[in-house]
Amino acid sequence: MRLNPILLGDTGWKLLTITNNNWENFSWEPLAYRRIGEVCYIHGGGKLSNISSLSSMVICNLPYKPRQNIMLPQGINNSGQTATMFVRASKTLEFIGTSDNRNNAEILINISYPISY
């Protein structure tokens, strides 16, 4: 069996295009992605403001479709609290809520997911 060299490649880190006006990337670690083989990695962070506890907020579109929807807790404000992020099969990264119902959150994101073709 011969492996496809494109699937084994590494794209290097590329910035994600933010689609939510309430998200501001950290200048020292903006939200970025990379694909290595069949896995997409998302890393970085920023501040999300005007958070509504009643609805989710799409942060950005993703370059690769995950095999399934994935819900993951991420750290906020170095406080021990968490924000729930959703990687959707519709290729979006979405904020769902925080563990303490805050209005603004500095969110650190480290996510990886298998890619669906």
C-alpha atoms as a PDB file:
ATOM      1  CA  MET A   1       0.000   0.000   0.000  1.00  0.00           C
ATOM      2  CA  ARG A   2       1.339   3.402  -0.949  1.00  0.00           C
ATOM      3  CA  LEU A   3       0.570   6.408   1.287  1.00  0.00           C
ATOM      4  CA  ASN A   4      -0.508   9.705  -0.194  1.00  0.00           C
ATOM      5  CA  PRO A   5       2.329  12.215   0.514  1.00  0.00           C
ATOM      6  CA  ILE A   6      -0.154  15.112   0.600  1.00  0.00           C
ATOM      7  CA  LEU A   7      -1.975  13.514   3.544  1.00  0.00           C
ATOM      8  CA  LEU A   8       1.307  13.102   5.412  1.00  0.00           C
ATOM      9  CA  GLY A   9       2.389  16.717   4.917  1.00  0.00           C
ATOM     10  CA  ASP A  10       2.560  19.598   7.378  1.00  0.00           C
ATOM     11  CA  THR A  11       1.020  22.941   6.386  1.00  0.00           C
ATOM     12  CA  GLY A  12       2.868  24.884   9.096  1.00  0.00           C
ATOM     13  CA  TRP A  13       0.965  27.391  11.240  1.00  0.00           C
ATOM     14  CA  LYS A  14      -1.519  29.620   9.378  1.00  0.00           C
ATOM     15  CA  LEU A  15      -3.729  32.319  10.876  1.00  0.00           C
ATOM     16  CA  LEU A  16      -7.455  31.653  11.069  1.00  0.00           C
ATOM     17  CA  THR A  17      -9.766  34.336   9.693  1.00  0.00           C
ATOM     18  CA  ILE A  18     -11.948  35.549  12.543  1.00  0.00           C
ATOM     19  CA  THR A  19     -15.618  36.078  11.622  1.00  0.00           C
ATOM     20  CA  ASN A  20     -16.867  37.373  14.999  1.00  0.00           C
ATOM     21  CA  ASN A  21     -16.481  41.098  15.765  1.00  0.00           C
ATOM     22  CA  ASN A  22     -16.509  40.328  19.518  1.00  0.00           C
ATOM     23  CA  TRP A  23     -13.276  38.281  19.274  1.00  0.00           C
ATOM     24  CA  GLU A  24      -9.871  39.991  19.542  1.00  0.00           C
ATOM     25  CA  ASN A  25      -6.797  37.792  18.996  1.00  0.00           C
ATOM     26  CA  PHE A  26      -3.975  37.992  21.506  1.00  0.00           C
ATOM     27  CA  SER A  27      -1.126  39.862  19.776  1.00  0.00           C
ATOM     28  CA  TRP A  28       1.364  37.377  21.198  1.00  0.00           C
ATOM     29  CA  GLU A  29      -0.555  34.213  20.163  1.00  0.00           C
ATOM     30  CA  PRO A  30      -3.272  34.769  17.542  1.00  0.00           C
ATOM     31  CA  LEU A  31      -5.657  31.961  16.686  1.00  0.00           C
ATOM     32  CA  ALA A  32      -3.988  29.700  14.102  1.00  0.00           C
ATOM     33  CA  TYR A  33      -4.217  26.206  12.650  1.00  0.00           C
ATOM     34  CA  ARG A  34      -2.009  23.602  11.041  1.00  0.00           C
ATOM     35  CA  ARG A  35      -2.652  20.244   9.433  1.00  0.00           C
ATOM     36  CA  ILE A  36      -0.242  17.383   9.960  1.00  0.00           C
ATOM     37  CA  GLY A  37      -1.364  14.265   8.159  1.00  0.00           C
ATOM     38  CA  GLU A  38      -5.062  13.767   8.820  1.00  0.00           C
ATOM     39  CA  VAL A  39      -5.179  15.868  12.012  1.00  0.00           C
ATOM     40  CA  CYS A  40      -5.947  19.591  12.308  1.00  0.00           C
ATOM     41  CA  TYR A  41      -4.480  21.514  15.257  1.00  0.00           C
ATOM     42  CA  ILE A  42      -5.884  24.842  16.500  1.00  0.00           C
ATOM     43  CA  HIS A  43      -3.833  26.960  18.885  1.00  0.00           C
ATOM     44  CA  GLY A  44      -3.878  30.516  20.180  1.00  0.00           C
ATOM     45  CA  GLY A  45      -6.245  32.736  22.023  1.00  0.00           C
ATOM     46  CA  GLY A  46      -8.007  35.994  22.412  1.00  0.00           C
ATOM     47  CA  LYS A  47     -10.619  37.973  24.260  1.00  0.00           C
ATOM     48  CA  LEU A  48     -14.307  37.388  23.615  1.00  0.00           C
ATOM     49  CA  SER A  49     -16.615  40.178  24.750  1.00  0.00           C
ATOM     50  CA  ASN A  50     -20.385  40.690  24.904  1.00  0.00           C
ATOM     51  CA  ILE A  51     -20.977  37.056  25.747  1.00  0.00           C
ATOM     52  CA  SER A  52     -24.630  36.068  25.929  1.00  0.00           C
ATOM     53  CA  SER A  53     -25.432  33.138  28.183  1.00  0.00           C
ATOM     54  CA  LEU A  54     -28.393  32.244  25.981  1.00  0.00           C
ATOM     55  CA  SER A  55     -26.698  31.632  22.639  1.00  0.00           C
ATOM     56  CA  SER A  56     -23.525  30.301  21.096  1.00  0.00           C
ATOM     57  CA  MET A  57     -21.131  32.453  19.071  1.00  0.00           C
ATOM     58  CA  VAL A  58     -19.187  31.349  15.988  1.00  0.00           C
ATOM     59  CA  ILE A  59     -15.592  32.593  16.292  1.00  0.00           C
ATOM     60  CA  CYS A  60     -14.290  31.507  12.883  1.00  0.00           C
ATOM     61  CA  ASN A  61     -14.639  29.077  10.006  1.00  0.00           C
ATOM     62  CA  LEU A  62     -12.289  26.102   9.969  1.00  0.00           C
ATOM     63  CA  PRO A  63     -10.252  24.976   6.957  1.00  0.00           C
ATOM     64  CA  TYR A  64     -10.943  21.262   7.509  1.00  0.00           C
ATOM     65  CA  LYS A  65     -14.094  19.372   8.409  1.00  0.00           C
ATOM     66  CA  PRO A  66     -13.914  17.265  11.581  1.00  0.00           C
ATOM     67  CA  ARG A  67     -15.164  13.681  11.434  1.00  0.00           C
ATOM     68  CA  GLN A  68     -17.820  14.621  14.002  1.00  0.00           C
ATOM     69  CA  ASN A  69     -18.898  17.462  16.269  1.00  0.00           C
ATOM     70  CA  ILE A  70     -16.463  17.894  19.168  1.00  0.00           C
ATOM     71  CA  MET A  71     -17.165  19.842  22.383  1.00  0.00           C
ATOM     72  CA  LEU A  72     -14.093  20.780  24.449  1.00  0.00           C
ATOM     73  CA  PRO A  73     -13.427  22.814  27.608  1.00  0.00           C
ATOM     74  CA  GLN A  74     -10.697  25.466  27.279  1.00  0.00           C
ATOM     75  CA  GLY A  75      -9.028  27.637  29.942  1.00  0.00           C
ATOM     76  CA  ILE A  76     -10.052  31.242  30.547  1.00  0.00           C
ATOM     77  CA  ASN A  77      -8.397  34.198  32.277  1.00  0.00           C
ATOM     78  CA  ASN A  78      -5.856  32.016  34.146  1.00  0.00           C
ATOM     79  CA  SER A  79      -8.631  31.591  36.718  1.00  0.00           C
ATOM     80  CA  GLY A  80      -9.212  27.863  36.707  1.00  0.00           C
ATOM     81  CA  GLN A  81     -12.565  28.480  35.017  1.00  0.00           C
ATOM     82  CA  THR A  82     -13.372  27.030  31.595  1.00  0.00           C
ATOM     83  CA  ALA A  83     -15.024  28.040  28.356  1.00  0.00           C
ATOM     84  CA  THR A  84     -16.710  25.388  26.261  1.00  0.00           C
ATOM     85  CA  MET A  85     -15.753  25.434  22.588  1.00  0.00           C
ATOM     86  CA  PHE A  86     -17.480  23.456  19.854  1.00  0.00           C
ATOM     87  CA  VAL A  87     -15.752  22.236  16.694  1.00  0.00           C
ATOM     88  CA  ARG A  88     -18.680  21.582  14.383  1.00  0.00           C
ATOM     89  CA  ALA A  89     -18.861  19.274  11.384  1.00  0.00           C
ATOM     90  CA  SER A  90     -20.117  22.389   9.550  1.00  0.00           C
ATOM     91  CA  LYS A  91     -16.466  23.620   9.791  1.00  0.00           C
ATOM     92  CA  THR A  92     -16.922  26.298  12.463  1.00  0.00           C
ATOM     93  CA  LEU A  93     -15.267  26.958  15.819  1.00  0.00           C
ATOM     94  CA  GLU A  94     -17.970  28.062  18.224  1.00  0.00           C
ATOM     95  CA  PHE A  95     -18.046  29.439  21.779  1.00  0.00           C
ATOM     96  CA  ILE A  96     -20.802  27.762  23.843  1.00  0.00           C
ATOM     97  CA  GLY A  97     -20.429  29.234  27.352  1.00  0.00           C
ATOM     98  CA  THR A  98     -18.276  29.597  30.474  1.00  0.00           C
ATOM     99  CA  SER A  99     -18.312  27.835  33.807  1.00  0.00           C
ATOM    100  CA  ASP A 100     -19.006  31.103  35.634  1.00  0.00           C
ATOM    101  CA  ASN A 101     -21.326  32.986  33.215  1.00  0.00           C
ATOM    102  CA  ARG A 102     -18.951  35.894  32.704  1.00  0.00           C
ATOM    103  CA  ASN A 103     -19.574  38.628  30.100  1.00  0.00           C
ATOM    104  CA  ASN A 104     -15.964  38.791  28.841  1.00  0.00           C
ATOM    105  CA  ALA A 105     -13.383  36.015  28.680  1.00  0.00           C
ATOM    106  CA  GLU A 106      -9.751  35.661  27.653  1.00  0.00           C
ATOM    107  CA  ILE A 107      -9.755  32.180  26.142  1.00  0.00           C
ATOM    108  CA  LEU A 108      -6.700  29.990  25.527  1.00  0.00           C
ATOM    109  CA  ILE A 109      -7.384  27.411  22.818  1.00  0.00           C
ATOM    110  CA  ASN A 110      -5.553  24.122  22.191  1.00  0.00           C
ATOM    111  CA  ILE A 111      -7.615  21.725  20.093  1.00  0.00           C
ATOM    112  CA  SER A 112      -6.858  18.893  17.704  1.00  0.00           C
ATOM    113  CA  TYR A 113      -9.289  16.840  15.666  1.00  0.00           C
ATOM    114  CA  PRO A 114      -9.253  14.142  12.962  1.00  0.00           C
ATOM    115  CA  ILE A 115     -10.138  15.444   9.501  1.00  0.00           C
ATOM    116  CA  SER A 116     -13.017  14.052   7.454  1.00  0.00           C
ATOM    117  CA  TYR A 117     -12.755  13.868   3.666  1.00  0.00           C
END
